[in-house]
Amino acid sequence: MQLLSEAGWPILLLLVASILSLAIIIDRALALRTSLIVPKGLLETVIKLEQSGSLSKEKLENIAQQSALGAVLTVAIRYRHTTRELIKEAIEESGRSMVMRCEKNLPMLGTIAAVSPLLGLLGTVVGMIILFGQDSTLTAHAEQLSRGISVALYNTAFGLVVAIPSMIFYRFYRSRIDFFAVEMEQQAIQLVDELTKYRDHGLS
């Protein structure tokens, strides 16, 4: 209540933005773990299972549900009896779907990072309006001066406090997703090469 009294109503908007930002940051930190996106050794495991003929439908479903890479690789397995071009198209479509899932709520985080300084500026403007109010008595003017400066500074500072971490994490998560996308594509291509080689060898 003291913060609201000193910073004015614009701080409420920034408080809401900060809560949303923190929730998204925590959510993406949990969702974008390497073990959930591109777990180590999965490609080698899938290749061995496929070559040994022990890759059952149940195992495929389990692999697909455990990670984003698993979902992409299982698509390649399901299309293994088609042409290489069809396999790659299916992989690309699955990869895009996984990337979109990884990007969940990131646009909102980017929006918060962009809008928070503007909300802080709104608070600054409100503070200036209070500062240059119409009451002309000396005591009232001193109170208006103090409150106006308080509102302006609180909102400006809080806007930056919300915006800076939001932008840092937005950029970090975007970079992480781009890395995961490249990694999934490279491993999927390796699987396609192995499937094609294994199929051609079986036909010869």
N, C-alpha and C. Protein backbone atom coordinates (compact mmCIF):
# COMPACT_ATOMS: atom_id res chain seq x y z
N MET A 1 0.83 -1.21 0.00
CA MET A 1 0.00 0.00 0.00
C MET A 1 0.86 1.25 0.00
N GLN A 2 1.99 1.21 0.72
CA GLN A 2 2.87 2.37 0.74
C GLN A 2 3.45 2.64 -0.65
N LEU A 3 3.81 1.55 -1.34
CA LEU A 3 4.33 1.70 -2.70
C LEU A 3 3.28 2.31 -3.61
N LEU A 4 2.04 1.85 -3.49
CA LEU A 4 0.96 2.39 -4.31
C LEU A 4 0.72 3.85 -3.99
N SER A 5 0.83 4.20 -2.71
CA SER A 5 0.62 5.58 -2.29
C SER A 5 1.71 6.50 -2.84
N GLU A 6 2.95 6.00 -2.85
CA GLU A 6 4.07 6.83 -3.29
C GLU A 6 4.26 6.82 -4.80
N ALA A 7 3.87 5.73 -5.45
CA ALA A 7 4.12 5.61 -6.89
C ALA A 7 2.89 5.89 -7.74
N GLY A 8 1.72 5.90 -7.14
CA GLY A 8 0.50 6.19 -7.91
C GLY A 8 -0.04 4.96 -8.62
N TRP A 9 -1.21 5.14 -9.24
CA TRP A 9 -1.88 4.00 -9.88
C TRP A 9 -1.12 3.39 -11.06
N PRO A 10 -0.27 4.14 -11.80
CA PRO A 10 0.43 3.51 -12.93
C PRO A 10 1.31 2.32 -12.51
N ILE A 11 1.74 2.30 -11.25
CA ILE A 11 2.61 1.21 -10.80
C ILE A 11 1.87 -0.13 -10.81
N LEU A 12 0.53 -0.09 -10.71
CA LEU A 12 -0.25 -1.32 -10.75
C LEU A 12 -0.06 -2.06 -12.07
N LEU A 13 -0.03 -1.31 -13.16
CA LEU A 13 0.18 -1.91 -14.47
C LEU A 13 1.55 -2.59 -14.55
N LEU A 14 2.54 -1.93 -13.97
CA LEU A 14 3.89 -2.50 -13.99
C LEU A 14 4.00 -3.71 -13.06
N LEU A 15 3.25 -3.70 -11.97
CA LEU A 15 3.25 -4.87 -11.08
C LEU A 15 2.66 -6.08 -11.79
N VAL A 16 1.56 -5.87 -12.51
CA VAL A 16 0.95 -6.95 -13.29
C VAL A 16 1.94 -7.46 -14.34
N ALA A 17 2.60 -6.52 -15.03
CA ALA A 17 3.58 -6.89 -16.06
C ALA A 17 4.74 -7.69 -15.45
N SER A 18 5.18 -7.29 -14.26
CA SER A 18 6.30 -7.99 -13.63
C SER A 18 5.92 -9.41 -13.23
N ILE A 19 4.68 -9.59 -12.75
CA ILE A 19 4.21 -10.93 -12.37
C ILE A 19 4.12 -11.84 -13.60
N LEU A 20 3.55 -11.30 -14.68
CA LEU A 20 3.46 -12.08 -15.93
C LEU A 20 4.85 -12.44 -16.46
N SER A 21 5.75 -11.46 -16.42
CA SER A 21 7.11 -11.69 -16.91
C SER A 21 7.80 -12.79 -16.11
N LEU A 22 7.70 -12.72 -14.79
CA LEU A 22 8.33 -13.73 -13.94
C LEU A 22 7.75 -15.11 -14.19
N ALA A 23 6.43 -15.17 -14.36
CA ALA A 23 5.77 -16.46 -14.61
C ALA A 23 6.25 -17.08 -15.92
N ILE A 24 6.37 -16.25 -16.96
CA ILE A 24 6.83 -16.75 -18.27
C ILE A 24 8.29 -17.19 -18.20
N ILE A 25 9.11 -16.42 -17.52
CA ILE A 25 10.53 -16.75 -17.39
C ILE A 25 10.71 -18.11 -16.70
N ILE A 26 9.98 -18.32 -15.62
CA ILE A 26 10.07 -19.60 -14.90
C ILE A 26 9.52 -20.74 -15.75
N ASP A 27 8.39 -20.50 -16.41
CA ASP A 27 7.78 -21.53 -17.25
C ASP A 27 8.72 -21.97 -18.37
N ARG A 28 9.35 -21.02 -19.05
CA ARG A 28 10.25 -21.36 -20.15
C ARG A 28 11.55 -21.99 -19.64
N ALA A 29 11.99 -21.58 -18.44
CA ALA A 29 13.19 -22.19 -17.87
C ALA A 29 12.97 -23.68 -17.63
N LEU A 30 11.77 -24.03 -17.20
CA LEU A 30 11.44 -25.44 -16.97
C LEU A 30 11.20 -26.19 -18.27
N ALA A 31 10.58 -25.51 -19.24
CA ALA A 31 10.21 -26.17 -20.50
C ALA A 31 11.38 -26.33 -21.46
N LEU A 32 12.34 -25.43 -21.40
CA LEU A 32 13.44 -25.44 -22.37
C LEU A 32 14.71 -26.10 -21.83
N ARG A 33 14.52 -27.09 -21.00
CA ARG A 33 15.68 -27.87 -20.54
C ARG A 33 16.15 -28.80 -21.66
N THR A 34 17.44 -28.99 -21.73
CA THR A 34 18.02 -29.84 -22.78
C THR A 34 17.43 -31.24 -22.76
N SER A 35 17.19 -31.77 -21.57
CA SER A 35 16.66 -33.13 -21.45
C SER A 35 15.26 -33.27 -22.03
N LEU A 36 14.53 -32.16 -22.14
CA LEU A 36 13.18 -32.19 -22.69
C LEU A 36 13.14 -31.85 -24.17
N ILE A 37 14.22 -31.28 -24.69
CA ILE A 37 14.22 -30.85 -26.10
C ILE A 37 15.14 -31.74 -26.93
N VAL A 38 16.42 -31.75 -26.61
CA VAL A 38 17.38 -32.58 -27.38
C VAL A 38 18.22 -33.42 -26.42
N PRO A 39 17.63 -34.45 -25.82
CA PRO A 39 18.38 -35.29 -24.87
C PRO A 39 19.57 -35.98 -25.54
N LYS A 40 20.66 -36.06 -24.82
CA LYS A 40 21.87 -36.68 -25.36
C LYS A 40 21.67 -38.18 -25.56
N GLY A 41 22.22 -38.68 -26.65
CA GLY A 41 22.20 -40.11 -26.91
C GLY A 41 20.92 -40.65 -27.52
N LEU A 42 19.92 -39.79 -27.70
CA LEU A 42 18.64 -40.28 -28.23
C LEU A 42 18.77 -40.75 -29.67
N LEU A 43 19.48 -39.99 -30.49
CA LEU A 43 19.65 -40.37 -31.90
C LEU A 43 20.29 -41.75 -32.01
N GLU A 44 21.36 -41.97 -31.28
CA GLU A 44 22.05 -43.25 -31.32
C GLU A 44 21.14 -44.40 -30.87
N THR A 45 20.33 -44.12 -29.84
CA THR A 45 19.40 -45.14 -29.34
C THR A 45 18.36 -45.50 -30.40
N VAL A 46 17.81 -44.48 -31.06
CA VAL A 46 16.80 -44.72 -32.10
C VAL A 46 17.39 -45.51 -33.26
N ILE A 47 18.59 -45.15 -33.68
CA ILE A 47 19.24 -45.86 -34.79
C ILE A 47 19.47 -47.33 -34.44
N LYS A 48 19.96 -47.58 -33.23
CA LYS A 48 20.20 -48.97 -32.81
C LYS A 48 18.90 -49.78 -32.75
N LEU A 49 17.85 -49.16 -32.22
CA LEU A 49 16.56 -49.86 -32.14
C LEU A 49 16.00 -50.16 -33.52
N GLU A 50 16.15 -49.20 -34.43
CA GLU A 50 15.65 -49.38 -35.79
C GLU A 50 16.43 -50.48 -36.52
N GLN A 51 17.73 -50.45 -36.38
CA GLN A 51 18.56 -51.45 -37.06
C GLN A 51 18.36 -52.86 -36.51
N SER A 52 18.04 -52.93 -35.22
CA SER A 52 17.82 -54.24 -34.61
C SER A 52 16.40 -54.75 -34.81
N GLY A 53 15.55 -53.88 -35.37
CA GLY A 53 14.16 -54.27 -35.62
C GLY A 53 13.30 -54.34 -34.37
N SER A 54 13.76 -53.72 -33.29
CA SER A 54 13.03 -53.78 -32.02
C SER A 54 12.30 -52.48 -31.69
N LEU A 55 12.13 -51.62 -32.71
CA LEU A 55 11.47 -50.34 -32.49
C LEU A 55 9.96 -50.52 -32.71
N SER A 56 9.27 -50.91 -31.67
CA SER A 56 7.83 -51.17 -31.75
C SER A 56 7.04 -49.86 -31.74
N LYS A 57 5.75 -49.97 -32.01
CA LYS A 57 4.87 -48.80 -32.01
C LYS A 57 4.82 -48.16 -30.63
N GLU A 58 4.81 -48.99 -29.59
CA GLU A 58 4.77 -48.48 -28.22
C GLU A 58 6.05 -47.71 -27.88
N LYS A 59 7.19 -48.23 -28.32
CA LYS A 59 8.46 -47.54 -28.08
C LYS A 59 8.51 -46.21 -28.83
N LEU A 60 7.98 -46.22 -30.06
CA LEU A 60 7.94 -44.99 -30.84
C LEU A 60 7.11 -43.92 -30.12
N GLU A 61 5.95 -44.32 -29.62
CA GLU A 61 5.08 -43.38 -28.92
C GLU A 61 5.77 -42.83 -27.67
N ASN A 62 6.46 -43.70 -26.98
CA ASN A 62 7.17 -43.29 -25.77
C ASN A 62 8.28 -42.30 -26.08
N ILE A 63 9.04 -42.58 -27.14
CA ILE A 63 10.12 -41.68 -27.56
C ILE A 63 9.56 -40.33 -27.99
N ALA A 64 8.46 -40.34 -28.72
CA ALA A 64 7.85 -39.10 -29.22
C ALA A 64 7.36 -38.21 -28.08
N GLN A 65 6.89 -38.82 -27.00
CA GLN A 65 6.32 -38.05 -25.89
C GLN A 65 7.36 -37.52 -24.92
N GLN A 66 8.56 -38.08 -24.96
CA GLN A 66 9.57 -37.71 -23.97
C GLN A 66 10.32 -36.42 -24.30
N SER A 67 10.43 -36.08 -25.58
CA SER A 67 11.20 -34.89 -25.95
C SER A 67 10.79 -34.39 -27.32
N ALA A 68 11.15 -33.13 -27.60
CA ALA A 68 10.87 -32.55 -28.92
C ALA A 68 11.65 -33.28 -30.01
N LEU A 69 12.92 -33.57 -29.74
CA LEU A 69 13.73 -34.31 -30.71
C LEU A 69 13.13 -35.68 -30.97
N GLY A 70 12.65 -36.33 -29.91
CA GLY A 70 12.02 -37.64 -30.07
C GLY A 70 10.83 -37.58 -30.99
N ALA A 71 10.03 -36.51 -30.88
CA ALA A 71 8.86 -36.36 -31.75
C ALA A 71 9.28 -36.22 -33.21
N VAL A 72 10.36 -35.46 -33.44
CA VAL A 72 10.85 -35.27 -34.81
C VAL A 72 11.42 -36.57 -35.37
N LEU A 73 12.20 -37.26 -34.57
CA LEU A 73 12.82 -38.51 -35.05
C LEU A 73 11.78 -39.59 -35.33
N THR A 74 10.74 -39.66 -34.52
CA THR A 74 9.71 -40.68 -34.76
C THR A 74 8.95 -40.41 -36.05
N VAL A 75 8.83 -39.14 -36.41
CA VAL A 75 8.21 -38.81 -37.71
C VAL A 75 9.06 -39.38 -38.84
N ALA A 76 10.37 -39.22 -38.72
CA ALA A 76 11.27 -39.77 -39.74
C ALA A 76 11.13 -41.29 -39.83
N ILE A 77 11.00 -41.93 -38.68
CA ILE A 77 10.84 -43.39 -38.67
C ILE A 77 9.54 -43.80 -39.36
N ARG A 78 8.48 -43.08 -39.07
CA ARG A 78 7.17 -43.43 -39.65
C ARG A 78 7.16 -43.26 -41.18
N TYR A 79 7.99 -42.33 -41.67
CA TYR A 79 8.04 -42.08 -43.12
C TYR A 79 9.22 -42.80 -43.78
N ARG A 80 9.85 -43.73 -43.08
CA ARG A 80 11.10 -44.32 -43.58
C ARG A 80 10.92 -45.11 -44.88
N HIS A 81 9.72 -45.56 -45.17
CA HIS A 81 9.50 -46.34 -46.39
C HIS A 81 9.10 -45.48 -47.58
N THR A 82 9.08 -44.16 -47.39
CA THR A 82 8.77 -43.24 -48.49
C THR A 82 10.07 -42.70 -49.07
N THR A 83 9.97 -41.69 -49.92
CA THR A 83 11.17 -41.11 -50.53
C THR A 83 11.88 -40.20 -49.53
N ARG A 84 13.14 -39.94 -49.81
CA ARG A 84 13.94 -39.06 -48.95
C ARG A 84 13.32 -37.67 -48.86
N GLU A 85 12.78 -37.18 -49.96
CA GLU A 85 12.18 -35.85 -49.99
C GLU A 85 10.96 -35.77 -49.07
N LEU A 86 10.13 -36.81 -49.10
CA LEU A 86 8.95 -36.84 -48.23
C LEU A 86 9.35 -36.92 -46.76
N ILE A 87 10.39 -37.68 -46.49
CA ILE A 87 10.87 -37.78 -45.10
C ILE A 87 11.32 -36.41 -44.60
N LYS A 88 12.09 -35.70 -45.42
CA LYS A 88 12.60 -34.39 -45.02
C LYS A 88 11.47 -33.38 -44.85
N GLU A 89 10.46 -33.44 -45.72
CA GLU A 89 9.32 -32.54 -45.58
C GLU A 89 8.57 -32.80 -44.28
N ALA A 90 8.39 -34.07 -43.96
CA ALA A 90 7.70 -34.44 -42.72
C ALA A 90 8.49 -33.98 -41.50
N ILE A 91 9.82 -34.12 -41.57
CA ILE A 91 10.69 -33.69 -40.48
C ILE A 91 10.61 -32.18 -40.29
N GLU A 92 10.65 -31.44 -41.39
CA GLU A 92 10.59 -29.99 -41.31
C GLU A 92 9.28 -29.52 -40.70
N GLU A 93 8.18 -30.16 -41.10
CA GLU A 93 6.88 -29.79 -40.55
C GLU A 93 6.81 -30.09 -39.05
N SER A 94 7.31 -31.25 -38.67
CA SER A 94 7.33 -31.61 -37.25
C SER A 94 8.24 -30.68 -36.47
N GLY A 95 9.39 -30.32 -37.06
CA GLY A 95 10.32 -29.40 -36.41
C GLY A 95 9.70 -28.04 -36.17
N ARG A 96 8.97 -27.54 -37.16
CA ARG A 96 8.30 -26.24 -36.99
C ARG A 96 7.28 -26.30 -35.86
N SER A 97 6.57 -27.41 -35.79
CA SER A 97 5.59 -27.58 -34.72
C SER A 97 6.26 -27.58 -33.35
N MET A 98 7.40 -28.24 -33.24
CA MET A 98 8.13 -28.29 -31.97
C MET A 98 8.67 -26.91 -31.59
N VAL A 99 9.15 -26.16 -32.58
CA VAL A 99 9.67 -24.82 -32.32
C VAL A 99 8.55 -23.91 -31.83
N MET A 100 7.38 -24.01 -32.44
CA MET A 100 6.23 -23.20 -32.00
C MET A 100 5.86 -23.54 -30.56
N ARG A 101 5.97 -24.81 -30.21
CA ARG A 101 5.67 -25.21 -28.83
C ARG A 101 6.71 -24.63 -27.88
N CYS A 102 7.96 -24.61 -28.30
CA CYS A 102 9.02 -24.03 -27.47
C CYS A 102 8.84 -22.53 -27.28
N GLU A 103 8.25 -21.88 -28.27
CA GLU A 103 8.08 -20.42 -28.24
C GLU A 103 6.84 -19.98 -27.47
N LYS A 104 6.16 -20.91 -26.84
CA LYS A 104 4.93 -20.58 -26.10
C LYS A 104 5.16 -19.43 -25.12
N ASN A 105 4.34 -18.40 -25.22
CA ASN A 105 4.35 -17.21 -24.34
C ASN A 105 5.55 -16.29 -24.54
N LEU A 106 6.51 -16.66 -25.39
CA LEU A 106 7.66 -15.77 -25.61
C LEU A 106 7.26 -14.44 -26.25
N PRO A 107 6.31 -14.43 -27.22
CA PRO A 107 5.89 -13.13 -27.75
C PRO A 107 5.36 -12.19 -26.67
N MET A 108 4.66 -12.76 -25.68
CA MET A 108 4.16 -11.94 -24.58
C MET A 108 5.31 -11.37 -23.75
N LEU A 109 6.35 -12.18 -23.54
CA LEU A 109 7.51 -11.70 -22.79
C LEU A 109 8.20 -10.57 -23.55
N GLY A 110 8.31 -10.72 -24.87
CA GLY A 110 8.89 -9.65 -25.68
C GLY A 110 8.06 -8.38 -25.64
N THR A 111 6.74 -8.54 -25.62
CA THR A 111 5.84 -7.38 -25.54
C THR A 111 6.00 -6.67 -24.20
N ILE A 112 6.11 -7.45 -23.12
CA ILE A 112 6.31 -6.86 -21.80
C ILE A 112 7.61 -6.07 -21.76
N ALA A 113 8.67 -6.64 -22.36
CA ALA A 113 9.96 -5.95 -22.39
C ALA A 113 9.87 -4.63 -23.14
N ALA A 114 9.06 -4.60 -24.20
CA ALA A 114 8.94 -3.39 -25.01
C ALA A 114 8.01 -2.35 -24.38
N VAL A 115 6.96 -2.83 -23.72
CA VAL A 115 5.92 -1.93 -23.21
C VAL A 115 6.25 -1.37 -21.83
N SER A 116 6.98 -2.11 -21.02
CA SER A 116 7.25 -1.68 -19.64
C SER A 116 7.90 -0.30 -19.54
N PRO A 117 8.90 0.04 -20.37
CA PRO A 117 9.43 1.41 -20.30
C PRO A 117 8.37 2.46 -20.64
N LEU A 118 7.45 2.11 -21.54
CA LEU A 118 6.38 3.05 -21.88
C LEU A 118 5.41 3.23 -20.71
N LEU A 119 5.15 2.14 -19.99
CA LEU A 119 4.31 2.25 -18.79
C LEU A 119 5.02 3.09 -17.73
N GLY A 120 6.34 2.92 -17.64
CA GLY A 120 7.12 3.76 -16.74
C GLY A 120 7.05 5.22 -17.14
N LEU A 121 7.09 5.46 -18.46
CA LEU A 121 6.97 6.83 -18.96
C LEU A 121 5.59 7.41 -18.65
N LEU A 122 4.56 6.56 -18.74
CA LEU A 122 3.22 7.01 -18.38
C LEU A 122 3.19 7.46 -16.93
N GLY A 123 3.83 6.68 -16.06
CA GLY A 123 3.90 7.07 -14.65
C GLY A 123 4.66 8.37 -14.47
N THR A 124 5.70 8.57 -15.27
CA THR A 124 6.46 9.83 -15.21
C THR A 124 5.59 11.01 -15.60
N VAL A 125 4.79 10.83 -16.64
CA VAL A 125 3.88 11.89 -17.09
C VAL A 125 2.86 12.20 -16.00
N VAL A 126 2.31 11.14 -15.38
CA VAL A 126 1.35 11.35 -14.29
C VAL A 126 2.02 12.12 -13.15
N GLY A 127 3.27 11.76 -12.85
CA GLY A 127 4.01 12.48 -11.82
C GLY A 127 4.20 13.94 -12.17
N MET A 128 4.47 14.24 -13.43
CA MET A 128 4.63 15.63 -13.86
C MET A 128 3.31 16.40 -13.76
N ILE A 129 2.22 15.72 -14.04
CA ILE A 129 0.90 16.37 -13.92
C ILE A 129 0.64 16.73 -12.46
N ILE A 130 0.98 15.80 -11.55
CA ILE A 130 0.82 16.09 -10.12
C ILE A 130 1.75 17.22 -9.71
N LEU A 131 2.97 17.19 -10.24
CA LEU A 131 3.98 18.18 -9.89
C LEU A 131 3.55 19.59 -10.27
N PHE A 132 2.90 19.72 -11.41
CA PHE A 132 2.48 21.03 -11.89
C PHE A 132 0.97 21.21 -11.73
N GLY A 133 0.45 20.71 -10.59
CA GLY A 133 -0.97 20.87 -10.30
C GLY A 133 -1.34 22.33 -10.09
N GLN A 134 -2.64 22.54 -9.92
CA GLN A 134 -3.16 23.90 -9.87
C GLN A 134 -3.14 24.54 -8.49
N ASP A 135 -2.96 23.73 -7.42
CA ASP A 135 -2.99 24.28 -6.07
C ASP A 135 -1.78 25.17 -5.86
N SER A 136 -2.00 26.38 -5.46
CA SER A 136 -0.91 27.36 -5.41
C SER A 136 -0.41 27.65 -4.00
N THR A 137 -1.03 27.07 -2.96
CA THR A 137 -0.55 27.34 -1.61
C THR A 137 0.82 26.70 -1.42
N LEU A 138 1.63 27.29 -0.56
CA LEU A 138 3.01 26.87 -0.39
C LEU A 138 3.10 25.44 0.14
N THR A 139 2.28 25.15 1.16
CA THR A 139 2.31 23.81 1.76
C THR A 139 1.86 22.76 0.76
N ALA A 140 0.76 23.07 0.08
CA ALA A 140 0.23 22.13 -0.91
C ALA A 140 1.22 21.95 -2.05
N HIS A 141 1.90 23.04 -2.43
CA HIS A 141 2.87 22.95 -3.52
C HIS A 141 4.03 22.03 -3.14
N ALA A 142 4.48 22.13 -1.89
CA ALA A 142 5.58 21.27 -1.43
C ALA A 142 5.15 19.80 -1.44
N GLU A 143 3.92 19.55 -1.02
CA GLU A 143 3.41 18.18 -1.03
C GLU A 143 3.27 17.65 -2.45
N GLN A 144 2.77 18.53 -3.34
CA GLN A 144 2.63 18.13 -4.74
C GLN A 144 3.99 17.87 -5.37
N LEU A 145 4.95 18.70 -5.01
CA LEU A 145 6.31 18.53 -5.55
C LEU A 145 6.88 17.18 -5.14
N SER A 146 6.75 16.88 -3.84
CA SER A 146 7.27 15.61 -3.33
C SER A 146 6.56 14.42 -3.96
N ARG A 147 5.23 14.48 -4.02
CA ARG A 147 4.46 13.36 -4.57
C ARG A 147 4.71 13.21 -6.07
N GLY A 148 4.78 14.32 -6.78
CA GLY A 148 5.00 14.26 -8.22
C GLY A 148 6.34 13.64 -8.56
N ILE A 149 7.38 14.06 -7.84
CA ILE A 149 8.71 13.50 -8.07
C ILE A 149 8.73 12.01 -7.71
N SER A 150 8.07 11.67 -6.60
CA SER A 150 8.01 10.27 -6.17
C SER A 150 7.35 9.39 -7.21
N VAL A 151 6.20 9.81 -7.73
CA VAL A 151 5.48 9.04 -8.74
C VAL A 151 6.33 8.89 -10.00
N ALA A 152 6.95 9.98 -10.43
CA ALA A 152 7.75 9.96 -11.65
C ALA A 152 8.94 9.00 -11.52
N LEU A 153 9.68 9.10 -10.41
CA LEU A 153 10.88 8.29 -10.24
C LEU A 153 10.56 6.81 -10.02
N TYR A 154 9.56 6.55 -9.19
CA TYR A 154 9.18 5.15 -8.94
C TYR A 154 8.80 4.44 -10.23
N ASN A 155 7.97 5.07 -11.03
CA ASN A 155 7.48 4.43 -12.25
C ASN A 155 8.57 4.29 -13.30
N THR A 156 9.42 5.31 -13.42
CA THR A 156 10.52 5.22 -14.38
C THR A 156 11.46 4.07 -14.01
N ALA A 157 11.82 4.01 -12.73
CA ALA A 157 12.74 2.96 -12.27
C ALA A 157 12.10 1.58 -12.39
N PHE A 158 10.84 1.46 -11.97
CA PHE A 158 10.19 0.16 -11.99
C PHE A 158 9.97 -0.32 -13.42
N GLY A 159 9.69 0.61 -14.32
CA GLY A 159 9.54 0.24 -15.73
C GLY A 159 10.80 -0.38 -16.28
N LEU A 160 11.95 0.19 -15.92
CA LEU A 160 13.23 -0.36 -16.37
C LEU A 160 13.55 -1.68 -15.67
N VAL A 161 13.20 -1.78 -14.39
CA VAL A 161 13.43 -3.02 -13.64
C VAL A 161 12.67 -4.19 -14.26
N VAL A 162 11.47 -3.92 -14.76
CA VAL A 162 10.68 -4.96 -15.41
C VAL A 162 11.20 -5.24 -16.82
N ALA A 163 11.52 -4.18 -17.56
CA ALA A 163 11.87 -4.31 -18.97
C ALA A 163 13.22 -5.00 -19.19
N ILE A 164 14.22 -4.64 -18.40
CA ILE A 164 15.57 -5.14 -18.65
C ILE A 164 15.67 -6.67 -18.49
N PRO A 165 15.24 -7.25 -17.35
CA PRO A 165 15.28 -8.72 -17.26
C PRO A 165 14.40 -9.41 -18.30
N SER A 166 13.25 -8.80 -18.59
CA SER A 166 12.35 -9.40 -19.59
C SER A 166 13.03 -9.49 -20.95
N MET A 167 13.71 -8.43 -21.34
CA MET A 167 14.40 -8.42 -22.63
C MET A 167 15.57 -9.39 -22.63
N ILE A 168 16.32 -9.44 -21.52
CA ILE A 168 17.46 -10.36 -21.43
C ILE A 168 17.00 -11.80 -21.59
N PHE A 169 15.96 -12.18 -20.85
CA PHE A 169 15.48 -13.56 -20.93
C PHE A 169 14.80 -13.85 -22.26
N TYR A 170 14.14 -12.86 -22.84
CA TYR A 170 13.52 -13.05 -24.15
C TYR A 170 14.58 -13.38 -25.18
N ARG A 171 15.66 -12.59 -25.20
CA ARG A 171 16.76 -12.84 -26.14
C ARG A 171 17.44 -14.18 -25.85
N PHE A 172 17.61 -14.47 -24.59
CA PHE A 172 18.27 -15.73 -24.21
C PHE A 172 17.45 -16.93 -24.68
N TYR A 173 16.15 -16.89 -24.43
CA TYR A 173 15.30 -18.01 -24.83
C TYR A 173 15.18 -18.12 -26.34
N ARG A 174 15.14 -16.99 -27.03
CA ARG A 174 15.10 -17.02 -28.49
C ARG A 174 16.36 -17.69 -29.03
N SER A 175 17.51 -17.31 -28.48
CA SER A 175 18.78 -17.90 -28.91
C SER A 175 18.81 -19.40 -28.60
N ARG A 176 18.29 -19.76 -27.45
CA ARG A 176 18.27 -21.18 -27.05
C ARG A 176 17.38 -22.00 -27.98
N ILE A 177 16.23 -21.45 -28.33
CA ILE A 177 15.32 -22.14 -29.25
C ILE A 177 15.94 -22.29 -30.63
N ASP A 178 16.61 -21.24 -31.10
CA ASP A 178 17.30 -21.33 -32.39
C ASP A 178 18.36 -22.43 -32.37
N PHE A 179 19.09 -22.52 -31.28
CA PHE A 179 20.10 -23.58 -31.13
C PHE A 179 19.44 -24.95 -31.17
N PHE A 180 18.36 -25.10 -30.43
CA PHE A 180 17.65 -26.39 -30.40
C PHE A 180 17.11 -26.75 -31.78
N ALA A 181 16.60 -25.75 -32.51
CA ALA A 181 16.04 -26.00 -33.84
C ALA A 181 17.12 -26.53 -34.78
N VAL A 182 18.30 -25.91 -34.75
CA VAL A 182 19.42 -26.36 -35.59
C VAL A 182 19.85 -27.76 -35.18
N GLU A 183 19.93 -28.00 -33.88
CA GLU A 183 20.35 -29.31 -33.38
C GLU A 183 19.37 -30.40 -33.79
N MET A 184 18.07 -30.13 -33.68
CA MET A 184 17.07 -31.11 -34.08
C MET A 184 17.15 -31.40 -35.58
N GLU A 185 17.35 -30.34 -36.37
CA GLU A 185 17.45 -30.52 -37.81
C GLU A 185 18.66 -31.37 -38.18
N GLN A 186 19.80 -31.08 -37.57
CA GLN A 186 21.02 -31.83 -37.88
C GLN A 186 20.89 -33.30 -37.50
N GLN A 187 20.32 -33.57 -36.32
CA GLN A 187 20.18 -34.96 -35.90
C GLN A 187 19.14 -35.69 -36.74
N ALA A 188 18.09 -34.99 -37.14
CA ALA A 188 17.08 -35.61 -38.00
C ALA A 188 17.67 -35.97 -39.36
N ILE A 189 18.52 -35.09 -39.89
CA ILE A 189 19.18 -35.37 -41.17
C ILE A 189 20.09 -36.59 -41.04
N GLN A 190 20.81 -36.68 -39.91
CA GLN A 190 21.65 -37.86 -39.68
C GLN A 190 20.82 -39.13 -39.67
N LEU A 191 19.63 -39.05 -39.05
CA LEU A 191 18.76 -40.23 -39.01
C LEU A 191 18.27 -40.59 -40.41
N VAL A 192 17.92 -39.57 -41.20
CA VAL A 192 17.48 -39.82 -42.58
C VAL A 192 18.59 -40.51 -43.37
N ASP A 193 19.82 -40.03 -43.20
CA ASP A 193 20.96 -40.65 -43.90
C ASP A 193 21.12 -42.11 -43.49
N GLU A 194 20.98 -42.37 -42.19
CA GLU A 194 21.11 -43.75 -41.70
C GLU A 194 19.98 -44.63 -42.22
N LEU A 195 18.76 -44.09 -42.21
CA LEU A 195 17.62 -44.87 -42.69
C LEU A 195 17.74 -45.18 -44.17
N THR A 196 18.17 -44.17 -44.94
CA THR A 196 18.33 -44.36 -46.38
C THR A 196 19.42 -45.38 -46.68
N LYS A 197 20.53 -45.25 -45.97
CA LYS A 197 21.65 -46.18 -46.16
C LYS A 197 21.25 -47.59 -45.76
N TYR A 198 20.55 -47.71 -44.65
CA TYR A 198 20.11 -49.02 -44.17
C TYR A 198 19.11 -49.65 -45.13
N ARG A 199 18.20 -48.83 -45.66
CA ARG A 199 17.20 -49.34 -46.60
C ARG A 199 17.85 -49.76 -47.91
N ASP A 200 18.75 -48.91 -48.43
CA ASP A 200 19.43 -49.23 -49.69
C ASP A 200 20.29 -50.49 -49.54
N HIS A 201 20.91 -50.63 -48.38
CA HIS A 201 21.73 -51.82 -48.13
C HIS A 201 20.86 -53.07 -48.07
N GLY A 202 19.67 -52.91 -47.50
CA GLY A 202 18.76 -54.05 -47.40
C GLY A 202 18.21 -54.47 -48.74
N LEU A 203 18.08 -53.50 -49.66
CA LEU A 203 17.55 -53.81 -50.99
C LEU A 203 18.60 -54.39 -51.92
N SER A 204 19.87 -54.11 -51.61
CA SER A 204 20.95 -54.57 -52.49
C SER A 204 21.29 -56.03 -52.24
